[in-house]
Amino acid sequence: MHEITEEVLKAVKEAAPEGRITCARAHELAEQLKVPLIVIGQAADRLNIKIKNCQLGCF
Protein backbone atom coordinates (compact mmCIF):
# COMPACT_ATOMS: atom_id res chain seq x y z
CA MET A 1 0.00 0.00 0.00
CA HIS A 2 1.27 3.47 -0.88
CA GLU A 3 1.53 6.22 1.69
CA ILE A 4 -1.37 8.66 1.65
CA THR A 5 -0.10 12.06 2.71
CA GLU A 6 -2.11 14.84 4.32
CA GLU A 7 -1.60 16.84 1.12
CA VAL A 8 -3.33 14.12 -0.91
CA LEU A 9 -6.17 13.76 1.59
CA LYS A 10 -6.73 17.51 1.61
CA ALA A 11 -6.72 17.75 -2.19
CA VAL A 12 -9.17 14.88 -2.60
CA LYS A 13 -11.48 16.28 0.07
CA GLU A 14 -11.44 19.72 -1.53
CA ALA A 15 -12.14 18.22 -4.97
CA ALA A 16 -15.21 16.39 -3.63
CA PRO A 17 -17.33 18.88 -1.66
CA GLU A 18 -20.44 16.73 -2.14
CA GLY A 19 -18.69 13.47 -1.25
CA ARG A 20 -18.18 12.47 -4.88
CA ILE A 21 -15.41 12.97 -7.41
CA THR A 22 -15.31 12.10 -11.08
CA CYS A 23 -12.84 9.57 -12.33
CA ALA A 24 -11.42 12.20 -14.70
CA ARG A 25 -10.83 14.58 -11.77
CA ALA A 26 -9.12 11.77 -9.83
CA HIS A 27 -6.75 11.30 -12.78
CA GLU A 28 -6.05 15.04 -12.85
CA LEU A 29 -5.29 15.09 -9.12
CA ALA A 30 -2.90 12.15 -9.45
CA GLU A 31 -1.05 13.97 -12.22
CA GLN A 32 -0.96 17.30 -10.35
CA LEU A 33 0.22 15.71 -7.09
CA LYS A 34 2.60 13.35 -8.90
CA VAL A 35 1.25 10.26 -7.14
CA PRO A 36 -0.03 6.97 -8.54
CA LEU A 37 -3.75 6.94 -9.26
CA ILE A 38 -4.18 4.18 -6.67
CA VAL A 39 -3.19 6.69 -3.96
CA ILE A 40 -6.04 8.97 -5.00
CA GLY A 41 -8.41 6.00 -4.89
CA GLN A 42 -7.17 4.96 -1.46
CA ALA A 43 -7.55 8.52 -0.18
CA ALA A 44 -11.11 8.63 -1.52
CA ASP A 45 -11.86 5.34 0.23
CA ARG A 46 -10.43 6.61 3.49
CA LEU A 47 -12.55 9.78 3.24
CA ASN A 48 -15.69 7.84 2.18
CA ILE A 49 -15.74 9.70 -1.12
CA LYS A 50 -17.36 7.97 -4.07
CA ILE A 51 -15.80 7.97 -7.52
CA LYS A 52 -18.35 8.54 -10.29
CA ASN A 53 -18.41 8.64 -14.07
CA CYS A 54 -15.60 6.12 -14.39
CA GLN A 55 -14.26 5.79 -17.90
CA LEU A 56 -14.03 2.01 -17.42
CA GLY A 57 -17.44 1.65 -15.78
CA CYS A 58 -15.87 0.31 -12.58
CA PHE A 59 -17.53 2.77 -10.17
PDB file of N, CA and C in Angstrom:
ATOM      1  N   MET A   1       0.839  -1.184   0.000  1.00  0.00           N
ATOM      2  CA  MET A   1       0.000   0.000   0.000  1.00  0.00           C
ATOM      3  C   MET A   1       0.883   1.246   0.000  1.00  0.00           C
ATOM      4  N   HIS A   2       0.520   2.223  -0.794  1.00  0.00           N
ATOM      5  CA  HIS A   2       1.268   3.467  -0.879  1.00  0.00           C
ATOM      6  C   HIS A   2       0.883   4.380   0.277  1.00  0.00           C
ATOM      7  N   GLU A   3       1.795   5.258   0.634  1.00  0.00           N
ATOM      8  CA  GLU A   3       1.527   6.225   1.694  1.00  0.00           C
ATOM      9  C   GLU A   3       0.583   7.307   1.182  1.00  0.00           C
ATOM     10  N   ILE A   4      -0.426   7.602   1.993  1.00  0.00           N
ATOM     11  CA  ILE A   4      -1.375   8.661   1.648  1.00  0.00           C
ATOM     12  C   ILE A   4      -1.041   9.856   2.542  1.00  0.00           C
ATOM     13  N   THR A   5      -0.517  10.894   1.941  1.00  0.00           N
ATOM     14  CA  THR A   5      -0.097  12.063   2.711  1.00  0.00           C
ATOM     15  C   THR A   5      -1.286  12.967   3.026  1.00  0.00           C
ATOM     16  N   GLU A   6      -1.076  13.861   3.979  1.00  0.00           N
ATOM     17  CA  GLU A   6      -2.107  14.839   4.322  1.00  0.00           C
ATOM     18  C   GLU A   6      -2.421  15.728   3.125  1.00  0.00           C
ATOM     19  N   GLU A   7      -1.401  16.023   2.317  1.00  0.00           N
ATOM     20  CA  GLU A   7      -1.604  16.839   1.117  1.00  0.00           C
ATOM     21  C   GLU A   7      -2.591  16.166   0.167  1.00  0.00           C
ATOM     22  N   VAL A   8      -2.435  14.870  -0.021  1.00  0.00           N
ATOM     23  CA  VAL A   8      -3.328  14.122  -0.907  1.00  0.00           C
ATOM     24  C   VAL A   8      -4.739  14.085  -0.323  1.00  0.00           C
ATOM     25  N   LEU A   9      -4.850  13.794   0.958  1.00  0.00           N
ATOM     26  CA  LEU A   9      -6.167  13.760   1.594  1.00  0.00           C
ATOM     27  C   LEU A   9      -6.882  15.102   1.463  1.00  0.00           C
ATOM     28  N   LYS A  10      -6.153  16.170   1.697  1.00  0.00           N
ATOM     29  CA  LYS A  10      -6.734  17.506   1.612  1.00  0.00           C
ATOM     30  C   LYS A  10      -7.200  17.803   0.187  1.00  0.00           C
ATOM     31  N   ALA A  11      -6.375  17.482  -0.797  1.00  0.00           N
ATOM     32  CA  ALA A  11      -6.715  17.754  -2.191  1.00  0.00           C
ATOM     33  C   ALA A  11      -7.948  16.961  -2.628  1.00  0.00           C
ATOM     34  N   VAL A  12      -8.016  15.701  -2.229  1.00  0.00           N
ATOM     35  CA  VAL A  12      -9.170  14.879  -2.596  1.00  0.00           C
ATOM     36  C   VAL A  12     -10.430  15.409  -1.914  1.00  0.00           C
ATOM     37  N   LYS A  13     -10.322  15.750  -0.659  1.00  0.00           N
ATOM     38  CA  LYS A  13     -11.479  16.275   0.073  1.00  0.00           C
ATOM     39  C   LYS A  13     -11.977  17.577  -0.553  1.00  0.00           C
ATOM     40  N   GLU A  14     -11.065  18.459  -0.913  1.00  0.00           N
ATOM     41  CA  GLU A  14     -11.440  19.724  -1.531  1.00  0.00           C
ATOM     42  C   GLU A  14     -12.053  19.524  -2.917  1.00  0.00           C
ATOM     43  N   ALA A  15     -11.631  18.491  -3.623  1.00  0.00           N
ATOM     44  CA  ALA A  15     -12.144  18.221  -4.968  1.00  0.00           C
ATOM     45  C   ALA A  15     -13.515  17.544  -4.934  1.00  0.00           C
ATOM     46  N   ALA A  16     -13.949  17.129  -3.753  1.00  0.00           N
ATOM     47  CA  ALA A  16     -15.212  16.389  -3.632  1.00  0.00           C
ATOM     48  C   ALA A  16     -16.102  16.979  -2.547  1.00  0.00           C
ATOM     49  N   PRO A  17     -16.541  18.235  -2.706  1.00  0.00           N
ATOM     50  CA  PRO A  17     -17.330  18.878  -1.655  1.00  0.00           C
ATOM     51  C   PRO A  17     -18.664  18.176  -1.368  1.00  0.00           C
ATOM     52  N   GLU A  18     -19.176  17.436  -2.334  1.00  0.00           N
ATOM     53  CA  GLU A  18     -20.442  16.725  -2.138  1.00  0.00           C
ATOM     54  C   GLU A  18     -20.230  15.243  -1.852  1.00  0.00           C
ATOM     55  N   GLY A  19     -18.980  14.864  -1.561  1.00  0.00           N
ATOM     56  CA  GLY A  19     -18.690  13.471  -1.248  1.00  0.00           C
ATOM     57  C   GLY A  19     -18.530  12.583  -2.469  1.00  0.00           C
ATOM     58  N   ARG A  20     -18.389  13.217  -3.638  1.00  0.00           N
ATOM     59  CA  ARG A  20     -18.182  12.468  -4.881  1.00  0.00           C
ATOM     60  C   ARG A  20     -17.162  13.200  -5.734  1.00  0.00           C
ATOM     61  N   ILE A  21     -16.417  12.415  -6.497  1.00  0.00           N
ATOM     62  CA  ILE A  21     -15.413  12.966  -7.409  1.00  0.00           C
ATOM     63  C   ILE A  21     -15.480  12.164  -8.702  1.00  0.00           C
ATOM     64  N   THR A  22     -15.302  12.835  -9.818  1.00  0.00           N
ATOM     65  CA  THR A  22     -15.309  12.096 -11.079  1.00  0.00           C
ATOM     66  C   THR A  22     -13.983  11.372 -11.256  1.00  0.00           C
ATOM     67  N   CYS A  23     -14.041  10.336 -12.026  1.00  0.00           N
ATOM     68  CA  CYS A  23     -12.835   9.574 -12.326  1.00  0.00           C
ATOM     69  C   CYS A  23     -11.823  10.468 -13.055  1.00  0.00           C
ATOM     70  N   ALA A  24     -12.311  11.295 -13.964  1.00  0.00           N
ATOM     71  CA  ALA A  24     -11.419  12.198 -14.696  1.00  0.00           C
ATOM     72  C   ALA A  24     -10.713  13.153 -13.741  1.00  0.00           C
ATOM     73  N   ARG A  25     -11.432  13.662 -12.750  1.00  0.00           N
ATOM     74  CA  ARG A  25     -10.827  14.575 -11.773  1.00  0.00           C
ATOM     75  C   ARG A  25      -9.798  13.831 -10.922  1.00  0.00           C
ATOM     76  N   ALA A  26     -10.081  12.586 -10.585  1.00  0.00           N
ATOM     77  CA  ALA A  26      -9.116  11.775  -9.830  1.00  0.00           C
ATOM     78  C   ALA A  26      -7.819  11.618 -10.612  1.00  0.00           C
ATOM     79  N   HIS A  27      -7.936  11.395 -11.917  1.00  0.00           N
ATOM     80  CA  HIS A  27      -6.749  11.297 -12.775  1.00  0.00           C
ATOM     81  C   HIS A  27      -5.979  12.611 -12.772  1.00  0.00           C
ATOM     82  N   GLU A  28      -6.698  13.727 -12.863  1.00  0.00           N
ATOM     83  CA  GLU A  28      -6.055  15.042 -12.847  1.00  0.00           C
ATOM     84  C   GLU A  28      -5.297  15.269 -11.538  1.00  0.00           C
ATOM     85  N   LEU A  29      -5.939  14.919 -10.427  1.00  0.00           N
ATOM     86  CA  LEU A  29      -5.287  15.093  -9.123  1.00  0.00           C
ATOM     87  C   LEU A  29      -4.012  14.263  -9.030  1.00  0.00           C
ATOM     88  N   ALA A  30      -4.080  13.027  -9.494  1.00  0.00           N
ATOM     89  CA  ALA A  30      -2.902  12.155  -9.449  1.00  0.00           C
ATOM     90  C   ALA A  30      -1.750  12.783 -10.231  1.00  0.00           C
ATOM     91  N   GLU A  31      -2.076  13.337 -11.393  1.00  0.00           N
ATOM     92  CA  GLU A  31      -1.052  13.968 -12.216  1.00  0.00           C
ATOM     93  C   GLU A  31      -0.495  15.225 -11.532  1.00  0.00           C
ATOM     94  N   GLN A  32      -1.390  16.058 -11.007  1.00  0.00           N
ATOM     95  CA  GLN A  32      -0.964  17.296 -10.346  1.00  0.00           C
ATOM     96  C   GLN A  32      -0.096  17.024  -9.122  1.00  0.00           C
ATOM     97  N   LEU A  33      -0.491  16.019  -8.337  1.00  0.00           N
ATOM     98  CA  LEU A  33       0.218  15.714  -7.094  1.00  0.00           C
ATOM     99  C   LEU A  33       1.391  14.766  -7.309  1.00  0.00           C
ATOM    100  N   LYS A  34       1.521  14.267  -8.542  1.00  0.00           N
ATOM    101  CA  LYS A  34       2.605  13.347  -8.897  1.00  0.00           C
ATOM    102  C   LYS A  34       2.608  12.094  -8.006  1.00  0.00           C
ATOM    103  N   VAL A  35       1.415  11.507  -7.892  1.00  0.00           N
ATOM    104  CA  VAL A  35       1.255  10.258  -7.142  1.00  0.00           C
ATOM    105  C   VAL A  35       0.539   9.253  -8.037  1.00  0.00           C
ATOM    106  N   PRO A  36       0.713   7.963  -7.767  1.00  0.00           N
ATOM    107  CA  PRO A  36      -0.025   6.967  -8.544  1.00  0.00           C
ATOM    108  C   PRO A  36      -1.534   7.132  -8.340  1.00  0.00           C
ATOM    109  N   LEU A  37      -2.303   6.820  -9.342  1.00  0.00           N
ATOM    110  CA  LEU A  37      -3.754   6.937  -9.260  1.00  0.00           C
ATOM    111  C   LEU A  37      -4.318   6.136  -8.091  1.00  0.00           C
ATOM    112  N   ILE A  38      -3.703   5.015  -7.779  1.00  0.00           N
ATOM    113  CA  ILE A  38      -4.180   4.179  -6.668  1.00  0.00           C
ATOM    114  C   ILE A  38      -4.180   4.959  -5.351  1.00  0.00           C
ATOM    115  N   VAL A  39      -3.251   5.883  -5.186  1.00  0.00           N
ATOM    116  CA  VAL A  39      -3.191   6.688  -3.958  1.00  0.00           C
ATOM    117  C   VAL A  39      -4.419   7.586  -3.857  1.00  0.00           C
ATOM    118  N   ILE A  40      -4.838   8.143  -4.988  1.00  0.00           N
ATOM    119  CA  ILE A  40      -6.041   8.969  -4.997  1.00  0.00           C
ATOM    120  C   ILE A  40      -7.254   8.104  -4.634  1.00  0.00           C
ATOM    121  N   GLY A  41      -7.328   6.921  -5.201  1.00  0.00           N
ATOM    122  CA  GLY A  41      -8.415   5.996  -4.887  1.00  0.00           C
ATOM    123  C   GLY A  41      -8.426   5.595  -3.428  1.00  0.00           C
ATOM    124  N   GLN A  42      -7.261   5.330  -2.867  1.00  0.00           N
ATOM    125  CA  GLN A  42      -7.173   4.959  -1.461  1.00  0.00           C
ATOM    126  C   GLN A  42      -7.561   6.125  -0.558  1.00  0.00           C
ATOM    127  N   ALA A  43      -7.170   7.337  -0.945  1.00  0.00           N
ATOM    128  CA  ALA A  43      -7.553   8.523  -0.181  1.00  0.00           C
ATOM    129  C   ALA A  43      -9.062   8.703  -0.230  1.00  0.00           C
ATOM    130  N   ALA A  44      -9.657   8.523  -1.394  1.00  0.00           N
ATOM    131  CA  ALA A  44     -11.113   8.633  -1.521  1.00  0.00           C
ATOM    132  C   ALA A  44     -11.802   7.592  -0.641  1.00  0.00           C
ATOM    133  N   ASP A  45     -11.296   6.376  -0.640  1.00  0.00           N
ATOM    134  CA  ASP A  45     -11.857   5.336   0.233  1.00  0.00           C
ATOM    135  C   ASP A  45     -11.782   5.746   1.694  1.00  0.00           C
ATOM    136  N   ARG A  46     -10.628   6.224   2.102  1.00  0.00           N
ATOM    137  CA  ARG A  46     -10.426   6.614   3.492  1.00  0.00           C
ATOM    138  C   ARG A  46     -11.390   7.733   3.906  1.00  0.00           C
ATOM    139  N   LEU A  47     -11.680   8.628   2.958  1.00  0.00           N
ATOM    140  CA  LEU A  47     -12.554   9.775   3.235  1.00  0.00           C
ATOM    141  C   LEU A  47     -14.024   9.478   2.934  1.00  0.00           C
ATOM    142  N   ASN A  48     -14.323   8.233   2.557  1.00  0.00           N
ATOM    143  CA  ASN A  48     -15.685   7.836   2.181  1.00  0.00           C
ATOM    144  C   ASN A  48     -16.231   8.670   1.031  1.00  0.00           C
ATOM    145  N   ILE A  49     -15.370   8.946   0.068  1.00  0.00           N
ATOM    146  CA  ILE A  49     -15.741   9.701  -1.119  1.00  0.00           C
ATOM    147  C   ILE A  49     -15.931   8.713  -2.265  1.00  0.00           C
ATOM    148  N   LYS A  50     -17.047   8.848  -2.945  1.00  0.00           N
ATOM    149  CA  LYS A  50     -17.360   7.967  -4.068  1.00  0.00           C
ATOM    150  C   LYS A  50     -16.759   8.511  -5.358  1.00  0.00           C
ATOM    151  N   ILE A  51     -16.299   7.605  -6.203  1.00  0.00           N
ATOM    152  CA  ILE A  51     -15.797   7.970  -7.521  1.00  0.00           C
ATOM    153  C   ILE A  51     -16.913   7.690  -8.515  1.00  0.00           C
ATOM    154  N   LYS A  52     -17.233   8.705  -9.331  1.00  0.00           N
ATOM    155  CA  LYS A  52     -18.351   8.543 -10.286  1.00  0.00           C
ATOM    156  C   LYS A  52     -17.857   8.806 -11.707  1.00  0.00           C
ATOM    157  N   ASN A  53     -18.699   8.438 -12.653  1.00  0.00           N
ATOM    158  CA  ASN A  53     -18.406   8.637 -14.072  1.00  0.00           C
ATOM    159  C   ASN A  53     -17.064   8.021 -14.484  1.00  0.00           C
ATOM    160  N   CYS A  54     -16.850   6.803 -14.064  1.00  0.00           N
ATOM    161  CA  CYS A  54     -15.599   6.119 -14.388  1.00  0.00           C
ATOM    162  C   CYS A  54     -15.561   5.784 -15.870  1.00  0.00           C
ATOM    163  N   GLN A  55     -14.427   6.074 -16.475  1.00  0.00           N
ATOM    164  CA  GLN A  55     -14.259   5.788 -17.896  1.00  0.00           C
ATOM    165  C   GLN A  55     -14.343   4.288 -18.204  1.00  0.00           C
ATOM    166  N   LEU A  56     -14.004   3.466 -17.231  1.00  0.00           N
ATOM    167  CA  LEU A  56     -14.029   2.013 -17.425  1.00  0.00           C
ATOM    168  C   LEU A  56     -15.329   1.382 -16.937  1.00  0.00           C
ATOM    169  N   GLY A  57     -16.186   2.182 -16.301  1.00  0.00           N
ATOM    170  CA  GLY A  57     -17.441   1.652 -15.779  1.00  0.00           C
ATOM    171  C   GLY A  57     -17.256   0.850 -14.500  1.00  0.00           C
ATOM    172  N   CYS A  58     -16.162   1.068 -13.793  1.00  0.00           N
ATOM    173  CA  CYS A  58     -15.873   0.307 -12.578  1.00  0.00           C
ATOM    174  C   CYS A  58     -16.581   0.865 -11.336  1.00  0.00           C
ATOM    175  N   PHE A  59     -16.949   2.145 -11.363  1.00  0.00           N
ATOM    176  CA  PHE A  59     -17.527   2.766 -10.173  1.00  0.00           C
ATOM    177  C   PHE A  59     -18.892   3.311 -10.485  1.00  0.00           C
TER     178      PHE A  59
END
